[in-house]
Protein backbone atom coordinates (compact mmCIF):
# COMPACT_ATOMS: atom_id res chain seq x y z
CA UNK A 1 121.85 157.66 155.91
CA UNK A 2 119.77 154.92 154.29
CA UNK A 3 116.70 157.13 154.56
CA UNK A 4 118.55 159.84 152.62
CA UNK A 5 119.51 157.31 149.90
CA UNK A 6 115.91 156.27 149.42
CA UNK A 7 114.54 159.73 148.88
CA UNK A 8 112.65 160.25 145.63
CA UNK A 9 115.36 162.50 144.35
CA UNK A 10 118.03 159.85 144.84
CA UNK A 11 115.88 157.14 143.29
CA UNK A 12 115.24 159.29 140.23
CA UNK A 13 118.95 159.99 139.95
CA UNK A 14 119.77 156.29 140.11
CA UNK A 15 117.16 155.48 137.46
CA UNK A 16 118.65 158.10 135.19
CA UNK A 17 122.12 156.64 135.69
CA UNK A 18 120.81 153.17 134.83
CA UNK A 19 118.80 154.24 131.76
CA UNK A 20 121.69 156.14 130.19
CA UNK A 21 123.86 153.03 129.54
CA UNK A 22 120.82 151.11 128.31
CA UNK A 23 119.96 153.80 125.80
CA UNK A 24 123.57 153.95 124.74
CA UNK A 25 123.59 150.16 124.27
CA UNK A 26 120.41 150.32 122.21
CA UNK A 27 121.87 153.11 120.10
CA UNK A 28 125.09 151.14 119.59
CA UNK A 29 123.06 148.07 118.62
CA UNK A 30 121.11 150.10 116.07
CA UNK A 31 124.31 151.54 114.66
CA UNK A 32 125.81 148.05 114.60
CA UNK A 33 122.82 146.71 112.62
CA UNK A 34 123.08 149.63 110.18
CA UNK A 35 126.80 148.97 109.75
CA UNK A 36 126.11 145.26 109.25
CA UNK A 37 123.55 146.03 106.54
CA UNK A 38 125.90 148.52 104.91
CA UNK A 39 128.72 146.01 105.09
CA UNK A 40 126.53 143.32 103.47
CA UNK A 41 125.56 145.75 100.71
CA UNK A 42 129.20 146.65 100.15
CA UNK A 43 130.19 142.99 100.04
CA UNK A 44 127.49 142.31 97.46
CA UNK A 45 128.60 145.32 95.44
CA UNK A 46 132.26 144.26 95.59
CA UNK A 47 131.29 140.75 94.53
CA UNK A 48 129.29 142.13 91.59
CA UNK A 49 132.18 144.37 90.56
CA UNK A 50 134.66 141.50 90.83
CA UNK A 51 132.35 139.34 88.71
CA UNK A 52 132.12 142.10 86.13
CA UNK A 53 135.90 142.54 86.21
CA UNK A 54 136.37 138.81 85.64
CA UNK A 55 133.99 138.70 82.67
CA UNK A 56 135.67 137.02 79.72
CA UNK A 57 134.93 134.86 76.67
CA UNK A 58 134.45 131.75 78.84
CA UNK A 59 131.61 133.14 80.95
CA UNK A 60 129.95 135.73 78.67
CA UNK A 61 129.31 136.68 75.06
CA UNK A 62 132.50 138.75 74.96
CA UNK A 63 134.89 137.76 72.19
CA UNK A 64 138.25 136.22 73.10
CA UNK A 65 140.06 139.24 71.61
CA UNK A 66 138.57 141.38 74.41
CA UNK A 67 139.71 139.12 77.24
CA UNK A 68 141.74 141.08 79.82
CA UNK A 69 145.17 139.72 80.61
CA UNK A 70 144.69 136.91 78.11
CA UNK A 71 147.58 134.55 77.61
CA UNK A 72 149.44 135.01 74.37
CA UNK A 73 150.48 132.10 72.24
CA UNK A 74 154.15 132.86 72.78
CA UNK A 75 153.66 132.11 76.50
CA UNK A 76 153.03 128.47 75.71
CA UNK A 77 155.83 125.96 76.01
CA UNK A 78 157.29 125.40 72.55
CA UNK A 79 156.85 122.00 70.98
CA UNK A 80 159.87 119.82 70.38
CA UNK A 81 158.60 119.00 66.89
CA UNK A 82 160.13 120.76 63.92
CA UNK A 83 158.11 123.33 62.02
CA UNK A 84 156.03 122.40 59.00
CA UNK A 85 154.15 119.26 58.04
CA UNK A 86 154.68 116.30 60.30
CA UNK A 87 155.61 112.76 59.31
CA UNK A 88 152.71 110.97 57.68
CA UNK A 89 151.02 114.22 56.66
CA UNK A 90 149.25 113.98 53.32
CA UNK A 91 150.94 116.38 50.92
CA UNK A 92 149.18 119.04 48.86
CA UNK A 93 150.24 119.82 45.32
CA UNK A 94 149.14 122.64 43.08
CA UNK A 95 146.63 121.48 40.48
CA UNK A 96 147.61 121.98 36.84
CA UNK A 97 145.40 124.35 34.86
CA UNK A 98 143.43 122.70 32.00
CA UNK A 99 144.76 123.07 28.44
CA UNK A 100 141.97 125.43 27.38
CA UNK A 101 143.17 127.98 29.96
CA UNK A 102 146.80 127.98 28.79
CA UNK A 103 147.59 131.27 27.02
CA UNK A 104 151.03 130.31 25.72
CA UNK A 105 153.04 127.11 25.23
CA UNK A 106 156.85 127.06 25.26
CA UNK A 107 158.85 123.95 24.34
CA UNK A 108 162.22 123.86 26.06
CA UNK A 109 164.73 121.51 24.36
CA UNK A 110 168.17 120.43 25.68
CA UNK A 111 171.06 122.41 24.14
CA UNK A 112 174.04 120.31 25.26
CA UNK A 113 174.62 116.78 26.56
CA UNK A 114 176.25 116.90 30.02
CA UNK A 115 177.95 113.53 29.41
CA UNK A 116 179.68 113.97 26.03
CA UNK A 117 179.06 117.61 25.14
CA UNK A 118 177.00 116.67 22.08
CA UNK A 119 174.62 119.27 20.63
CA UNK A 120 172.53 117.12 18.28
CA UNK A 121 169.39 115.43 19.67
CA UNK A 122 166.62 113.25 18.22
CA UNK A 123 163.36 114.93 17.27
CA UNK A 124 161.24 112.54 19.39
CA UNK A 125 161.22 113.27 23.14
CA UNK A 126 161.38 110.32 25.50
CA UNK A 127 159.69 112.27 28.30
CA UNK A 128 158.13 115.72 28.85
CA UNK A 129 158.01 117.40 32.25
CA UNK A 130 155.19 119.94 32.46
CA UNK A 131 155.60 123.11 34.51
CA UNK A 132 153.09 125.97 34.64
CA UNK A 133 153.80 129.54 35.69
CA UNK A 134 150.87 131.84 36.46
CA UNK A 135 151.46 135.57 35.99
CA UNK A 136 149.32 138.63 36.43
CA UNK A 137 149.09 140.45 33.10
CA UNK A 138 149.85 144.13 32.91
CA UNK A 139 146.52 145.82 33.53
CA UNK A 140 145.56 148.42 30.97
CA UNK A 141 141.95 149.58 31.31
CA UNK A 142 139.80 149.38 28.19
CA UNK A 143 138.44 152.87 27.57
CA UNK A 144 135.62 153.35 25.07
CA UNK A 145 135.04 156.87 23.81
CA UNK A 146 131.52 157.63 22.59
CA UNK A 147 131.42 160.47 20.07
CA UNK A 148 127.90 161.86 20.19
CA UNK A 149 127.37 163.63 16.85
CA UNK A 150 125.06 166.51 16.09
CA UNK A 151 123.96 166.66 12.46
CA UNK A 152 121.73 168.96 10.41
CA UNK A 153 118.45 167.48 9.19
CA UNK A 154 118.44 167.41 5.40
CA UNK A 155 114.68 168.06 5.30
CA UNK A 156 114.15 170.88 7.83
CA UNK A 157 117.66 172.10 8.50
CA UNK A 158 117.41 171.63 12.28
CA UNK A 159 120.55 170.49 14.15
CA UNK A 160 119.82 167.10 15.76
CA UNK A 161 122.01 165.51 18.44
CA UNK A 162 122.25 161.71 18.60
CA UNK A 163 120.76 159.94 21.60
CA UNK A 164 123.33 159.04 24.22
CA UNK A 165 123.32 155.25 24.71
CA UNK A 166 122.67 154.11 28.26
CA UNK A 167 126.09 152.49 28.57
CA UNK A 168 127.65 155.92 27.94
CA UNK A 169 125.73 157.68 30.70
CA UNK A 170 128.21 156.58 33.36
CA UNK A 171 131.98 156.78 33.45
CA UNK A 172 132.55 153.11 34.36
CA UNK A 173 131.55 149.81 32.81
CA UNK A 174 129.66 146.84 34.30
CA UNK A 175 132.73 144.73 35.11
CA UNK A 176 134.53 147.59 36.85
CA UNK A 177 131.43 148.47 38.87
CA UNK A 178 130.99 144.81 39.75
CA UNK A 179 134.62 144.63 40.87
CA UNK A 180 134.25 147.74 43.05
CA UNK A 181 131.11 146.31 44.69
CA UNK A 182 132.85 142.98 45.25
CA UNK A 183 135.99 144.27 46.97
CA UNK A 184 133.85 146.34 49.32
CA UNK A 185 131.12 143.83 50.09
CA UNK A 186 133.24 140.69 50.21
CA UNK A 187 136.81 141.78 50.96
CA UNK A 188 135.79 144.56 53.37
CA UNK A 189 137.84 147.31 51.72
CA UNK A 190 137.04 150.90 52.59
CA UNK A 191 136.26 153.41 49.85
CA UNK A 192 139.69 155.02 50.06
CA UNK A 193 141.41 151.65 49.83
CA UNK A 194 139.32 150.89 46.74
CA UNK A 195 140.53 154.14 45.21
CA UNK A 196 144.14 153.20 46.02
CA UNK A 197 143.76 149.68 44.62
CA UNK A 198 142.33 150.93 41.33
CA UNK A 199 145.14 153.47 41.13
CA UNK A 200 147.63 150.57 41.06
CA UNK A 201 145.63 149.19 38.12
CA UNK A 202 145.93 152.51 36.21
CA UNK A 203 142.29 153.42 36.83
CA UNK A 204 141.50 156.87 38.20
CA UNK A 205 138.39 157.14 40.37
CA UNK A 206 137.23 159.32 43.25
CA UNK A 207 135.70 158.39 46.60
CA UNK A 208 132.47 160.06 45.48
CA UNK A 209 132.28 157.84 42.40
CA UNK A 210 132.73 154.75 44.58
CA UNK A 211 129.83 155.97 46.75
CA UNK A 212 127.65 156.45 43.66
CA UNK A 213 128.40 152.89 42.51
CA UNK A 214 127.52 151.57 45.97
CA UNK A 215 124.21 153.44 45.89
CA UNK A 216 123.45 152.07 42.42
CA UNK A 217 124.17 148.46 43.33
CA UNK A 218 122.09 148.91 46.48
CA UNK A 219 119.06 149.88 44.38
CA UNK A 220 119.70 147.12 41.80
CA UNK A 221 119.80 144.46 44.51
CA UNK A 222 116.43 145.43 46.03
CA UNK A 223 114.49 142.62 44.30
CA UNK A 224 117.26 139.99 44.66
CA UNK A 225 117.46 140.91 48.35
CA UNK A 226 113.76 140.18 48.87
CA UNK A 227 114.12 136.96 46.89
CA UNK A 228 116.95 135.76 49.15
CA UNK A 229 115.08 136.89 52.27
CA UNK A 230 112.02 134.80 51.32
CA UNK A 231 114.23 131.83 50.51
CA UNK A 232 116.05 132.14 53.86
CA UNK A 233 112.84 132.14 55.86
CA UNK A 234 111.68 129.08 53.95
CA UNK A 235 114.58 126.85 54.96
CA UNK A 236 114.14 123.87 57.26
CA UNK A 237 115.95 125.63 60.13
CA UNK A 238 117.28 129.16 60.65
CA UNK A 239 119.60 131.04 63.01
CA UNK A 240 119.51 134.70 64.09
CA UNK A 241 121.93 137.09 65.74
CA UNK A 242 122.69 140.81 65.91
CA UNK A 243 125.69 143.09 66.34
CA UNK A 244 126.20 146.81 66.71
CA UNK A 245 126.44 149.03 63.64
CA UNK A 246 126.93 152.77 63.32
CA UNK A 247 125.42 155.54 61.25
CA UNK A 248 127.20 158.87 61.53
CA UNK A 249 128.57 157.68 64.87
CA UNK A 250 125.13 156.83 66.24
CA UNK A 251 124.62 153.24 67.30
CA UNK A 252 122.45 151.04 65.11
CA UNK A 253 122.04 147.26 64.93
CA UNK A 254 122.86 144.84 62.13
CA UNK A 255 120.61 141.76 62.24
CA UNK A 256 121.14 138.46 60.46
CA UNK A 257 118.83 135.54 59.76
CA UNK A 258 120.73 132.67 58.15
CA UNK A 259 120.50 129.01 57.22
CA UNK A 260 122.51 126.41 55.36
CA UNK A 261 121.61 127.78 51.91
CA UNK A 262 121.22 131.56 52.28
CA UNK A 263 121.38 134.51 54.67
CA UNK A 264 119.66 137.89 55.04
CA UNK A 265 121.01 141.05 56.72
CA UNK A 266 119.05 144.08 57.95
CA UNK A 267 120.16 147.35 59.58
CA UNK A 268 117.78 148.74 62.19
CA UNK A 269 118.16 151.60 64.69
CA UNK A 270 116.63 149.40 67.39
CA UNK A 271 117.60 146.21 69.17
CA UNK A 272 114.07 145.11 69.97
CA UNK A 273 111.51 142.44 69.23
CA UNK A 274 109.94 144.76 66.67
CA UNK A 275 113.27 145.08 64.86
CA UNK A 276 113.61 141.30 64.64
CA UNK A 277 109.99 140.99 63.59
CA UNK A 278 110.64 143.42 60.72
CA UNK A 279 112.92 140.78 59.16
CA UNK A 280 110.91 137.60 59.68
CA UNK A 281 107.44 139.12 59.29
CA UNK A 282 104.39 136.90 59.65
CA UNK A 283 105.29 133.39 58.53
CA UNK A 284 102.61 130.84 57.83
CA UNK A 285 104.97 127.96 58.63
CA UNK A 286 107.86 129.40 60.69
CA UNK A 287 110.91 127.10 60.71
CA UNK A 288 112.75 126.28 63.96
CA UNK A 289 114.93 129.19 65.10
CA UNK A 290 118.23 129.01 67.01
CA UNK A 291 119.37 132.12 68.94
CA UNK A 292 121.07 133.22 72.12
CA UNK A 293 118.93 134.04 75.17
CA UNK A 294 118.28 137.68 74.22
CA UNK A 295 114.62 138.41 75.01
CA UNK A 296 114.07 140.18 71.68
CA UNK A 297 113.73 136.79 70.01
CA UNK A 298 110.98 135.55 72.33
CA UNK A 299 108.34 137.02 70.01
CA UNK A 300 109.05 134.27 67.48
CA UNK A 301 106.04 132.02 67.03
CA UNK A 302 107.82 128.92 65.74
CA UNK A 303 109.95 126.34 67.54
CA UNK A 304 112.87 127.96 69.35
CA UNK A 305 116.30 126.62 70.35
CA UNK A 306 118.58 128.41 72.81
CA UNK A 307 122.31 128.33 72.02
CA UNK A 308 124.08 125.88 74.33
CA UNK A 309 127.39 127.69 73.95
CA UNK A 310 125.83 130.75 75.58
CA UNK A 311 124.15 128.63 78.25
CA UNK A 312 127.45 126.93 79.07
CA UNK A 313 129.04 130.37 79.61
CA UNK A 314 126.15 131.25 81.94
CA UNK A 315 126.91 128.10 83.94
CA UNK A 316 130.59 129.06 84.05
CA UNK A 317 129.66 132.42 85.55
CA UNK A 318 127.49 130.73 88.19
CA UNK A 319 130.37 128.39 89.03
CA UNK A 320 132.81 131.28 89.47
CA UNK A 321 130.60 132.87 92.15
CA UNK A 322 131.68 130.17 94.60
CA UNK A 323 129.86 128.89 97.71
CA UNK A 324 126.54 127.19 96.95
CA UNK A 325 126.44 128.93 93.57
CA UNK A 326 129.77 127.31 92.70
CA UNK A 327 128.50 123.83 93.58
CA UNK A 328 125.36 124.25 91.47
CA UNK A 329 127.36 125.83 88.64
CA UNK A 330 129.82 122.92 88.61
CA UNK A 331 127.03 120.36 88.35
CA UNK A 332 125.31 122.37 85.61
CA UNK A 333 128.57 122.52 83.67
CA UNK A 334 128.96 118.75 83.95
CA UNK A 335 125.50 118.23 82.48
CA UNK A 336 126.27 120.73 79.69
CA UNK A 337 129.42 118.72 78.88
CA UNK A 338 127.17 115.71 78.32
CA UNK A 339 125.03 117.74 75.93
CA UNK A 340 128.05 118.62 73.77
CA UNK A 341 129.64 115.17 74.00
CA UNK A 342 126.58 113.25 72.85
CA UNK A 343 125.86 115.77 70.11
CA UNK A 344 129.34 115.10 68.75
CA UNK A 345 128.66 111.36 68.90
CA UNK A 346 125.49 111.91 66.88
CA UNK A 347 127.22 114.11 64.28
CA UNK A 348 129.93 111.49 63.83
CA UNK A 349 127.30 108.81 63.27
CA UNK A 350 128.22 106.87 66.42
CA UNK A 351 124.64 107.04 67.75
CA UNK A 352 121.24 107.55 66.14
CA UNK A 353 118.90 110.47 66.77
CA UNK A 354 116.60 108.15 68.72
CA UNK A 355 119.48 107.05 70.95
CA UNK A 356 120.44 110.71 71.49
CA UNK A 357 116.87 111.56 72.51
CA UNK A 358 116.65 108.58 74.88
CA UNK A 359 119.92 109.38 76.64
CA UNK A 360 119.03 113.05 77.09
CA UNK A 361 115.52 112.32 78.36
CA UNK A 362 116.82 109.82 80.95
CA UNK A 363 120.29 111.02 81.97
CA UNK A 364 120.53 114.79 81.34
CA UNK A 365 117.17 116.57 81.21
CA UNK A 366 115.84 115.48 84.68
CA UNK A 367 119.01 116.39 86.65
CA UNK A 368 119.36 119.61 84.65
CA UNK A 369 115.85 120.67 85.60
CA UNK A 370 116.39 119.72 89.26
CA UNK A 371 119.59 121.78 89.44
CA UNK A 372 117.89 124.81 87.89
CA UNK A 373 115.02 124.51 90.37
CA UNK A 374 117.51 124.35 93.23
CA UNK A 375 119.36 127.40 91.92
CA UNK A 376 116.14 129.37 91.48
CA UNK A 377 114.96 129.00 95.11
CA UNK A 378 118.14 128.27 97.08
CA UNK A 379 118.26 130.49 100.15
CA UNK A 380 122.01 130.97 99.96
CA UNK A 381 122.14 131.44 96.17
CA UNK A 382 122.90 134.90 94.80
CA UNK A 383 120.14 136.92 93.16
CA UNK A 384 121.89 136.68 89.78
CA UNK A 385 122.04 132.89 89.97
CA UNK A 386 118.36 132.77 90.88
CA UNK A 387 117.48 135.05 87.96
CA UNK A 388 119.43 132.95 85.45
CA UNK A 389 117.92 129.68 86.70
CA UNK A 390 114.40 131.07 86.70
CA UNK A 391 114.81 132.38 83.18
CA UNK A 392 116.03 129.00 81.91
CA UNK A 393 113.21 127.20 83.71
CA UNK A 394 110.63 129.50 82.14
CA UNK A 395 111.97 128.56 78.69
CA UNK A 396 113.11 125.05 79.55
CA UNK A 397 111.69 123.51 76.36
CA UNK A 398 113.89 125.89 74.33
CA UNK A 399 116.92 123.94 75.52
CA UNK A 400 115.90 120.70 73.78
CA UNK A 401 114.30 121.69 70.47
CA UNK A 402 117.28 120.28 68.54
CA UNK A 403 116.38 116.77 69.76
CA UNK A 404 113.01 116.75 68.02
CA UNK A 405 113.46 118.82 64.83
CA UNK A 406 115.57 117.92 61.81
CA UNK A 407 118.47 120.22 60.84
CA UNK A 408 118.32 122.17 64.15
CA UNK A 409 121.70 122.75 65.80
CA UNK A 410 122.16 123.11 69.58
CA UNK A 411 124.41 126.16 69.08
CA UNK A 412 124.15 129.43 67.20
CA UNK A 413 127.62 129.15 65.69
CA UNK A 414 126.32 129.41 62.12
CA UNK A 415 124.88 132.90 62.66
CA UNK A 416 127.99 134.07 64.53
CA UNK A 417 130.29 132.84 61.74
CA UNK A 418 128.20 134.51 59.04
CA UNK A 419 128.02 137.74 61.04
CA UNK A 420 131.74 137.93 61.81
CA UNK A 421 132.88 139.50 58.47
CA UNK A 422 130.41 142.36 58.93
CA UNK A 423 131.88 143.03 62.39
CA UNK A 424 135.30 143.43 60.79
CA UNK A 425 133.74 145.63 58.10
CA UNK A 426 132.21 147.87 60.77
CA UNK A 427 135.56 148.28 62.53
CA UNK A 428 137.26 149.23 59.26
CA UNK A 429 134.63 151.57 57.84
CA UNK A 430 132.97 152.91 61.03
CA UNK A 431 129.55 152.06 59.62
CA UNK A 432 127.50 154.09 57.15
CA UNK A 433 126.36 157.66 56.64
CA UNK A 434 122.94 157.43 54.94
CA UNK A 435 119.91 155.30 54.07
CA UNK A 436 121.52 154.48 50.72
CA UNK A 437 124.70 153.31 52.47
CA UNK A 438 122.74 151.04 54.81
CA UNK A 439 120.77 149.61 51.87
CA UNK A 440 124.02 148.85 50.03
CA UNK A 441 125.63 147.04 52.94
CA UNK A 442 122.66 144.95 54.02
CA UNK A 443 121.99 143.89 50.41
CA UNK A 444 125.56 143.29 49.28
CA UNK A 445 126.25 141.28 52.47
CA UNK A 446 123.10 139.25 51.81
CA UNK A 447 124.23 138.40 48.28
CA UNK A 448 127.87 137.74 49.24
CA UNK A 449 127.12 135.35 52.12
CA UNK A 450 124.40 133.54 50.17
CA UNK A 451 126.59 133.05 47.09
CA UNK A 452 129.42 131.71 49.25
CA UNK A 453 127.06 129.17 50.79
CA UNK A 454 126.09 128.03 47.31
CA UNK A 455 129.61 128.23 45.82
CA UNK A 456 128.53 130.72 43.17
CA UNK A 457 130.64 133.42 41.49
CA UNK A 458 129.72 136.73 43.12
CA UNK A 459 131.70 138.86 40.66
CA UNK A 460 129.94 137.41 37.61
CA UNK A 461 126.55 138.02 39.18
CA UNK A 462 127.25 141.64 40.11
CA UNK A 463 128.58 142.28 36.59
CA UNK A 464 125.43 140.73 35.13
CA UNK A 465 123.29 143.02 37.31
CA UNK A 466 125.04 146.16 36.01
CA UNK A 467 124.89 144.91 32.43
CA UNK A 468 121.15 144.19 32.72
CA UNK A 469 120.66 147.69 34.09
CA UNK A 470 122.44 149.22 31.08
CA UNK A 471 120.34 147.21 28.64
CA UNK A 472 117.02 147.88 30.43
CA UNK A 473 116.65 144.15 31.15
CA UNK A 474 115.35 142.61 34.40
CA UNK A 475 117.93 142.07 37.11
CA UNK A 476 118.87 138.35 37.11
CA UNK A 477 117.60 136.16 39.93
CA UNK A 478 120.22 135.35 42.58
CA UNK A 479 118.91 131.81 43.17
């Protein structure tokens, strides 16, 4: 029997029976490895999607109004204090208008004594209480009719028509055109709302006429725009930012370069380094620039400061990833808190600039760099954390420019504040429709924001521009 079991045929059969489970095991192992890899990929994808779903104003550049499931104010526990000014609050009273601005005086005398019923009073008042009431006068537009006469020449008998004065070529005067430009550029009113507003003031105008006035002011402000642009780029420190804009529904970009004294806007179809370069040009002495971490600004040749508000949101996102990323993110956030805290101390005058520099160089910059290095090479760190840390390390000096240059801020809040009204304007008007429309908006926004920074009267300047145009005089300088 044993001889039969050891025959070649039986041995081959046994080998086949043994190999079959082994091959099946190997196949199962291969399938298991494939499933493990697929599972890891799916986990990474789910984590990325969850991170994207949890993106909000605390960990990204998204505005707080776009936060999903954000808590409303009415969800907060109401305060036990009564409404209005609290005890010890310094009161505010309306300032009396100066005498030269009073249009009418009315003397109110007593007509009967409440004590004895007497009706005779002395001519000299013992006290006068002054009260002023401001009223909007009834608006009646001033309409000038130009009668252009045609007369016969006494010498040759030819009929000659008088030359039409330039102020009669249009249907609206300088002050009205200045007002229309102002309510659009500063108050953000759409063309149809401008038409409605003027209708309440007994002035009839069409949407097309409003467009024509916008195009005219856009051309008149060409030289003032370049003047303000040059002045902006010559300030001791500047900020830059960009936001989306639309032309006939197609996405464009509205750029801003701003400082403490002036600001310049520019519409460009591209969000690129070339688009930013088209605003700043080639500067002989480029001032320090503060921006977010968008790579389009890396072409700038001057000193560069990254916005710490954006960096802090990057650290928040790293922290929210958990595991080793969360530990590194928490430590980075703690160091960022020190950056903001000591900057506030400096702004309040509690420490000097030299003391701020010393503290940062000893207590914040070294641990910050070590944490970024750890996050850039950590084996268990996510690829996104590594990318963020490597990017910040490659531009590490851009985090500390504000310590060594006067007037440089560690955040880009100035540019974001100056850009915010144009974002609202875009949402109301849906952008522009032509080159002339873009020229109007970028130039009127430039003038409006600059004049606000310098506390100048925008309406008077726009009126002066239209008046100079009618009289063939140079457009007045904005600065």
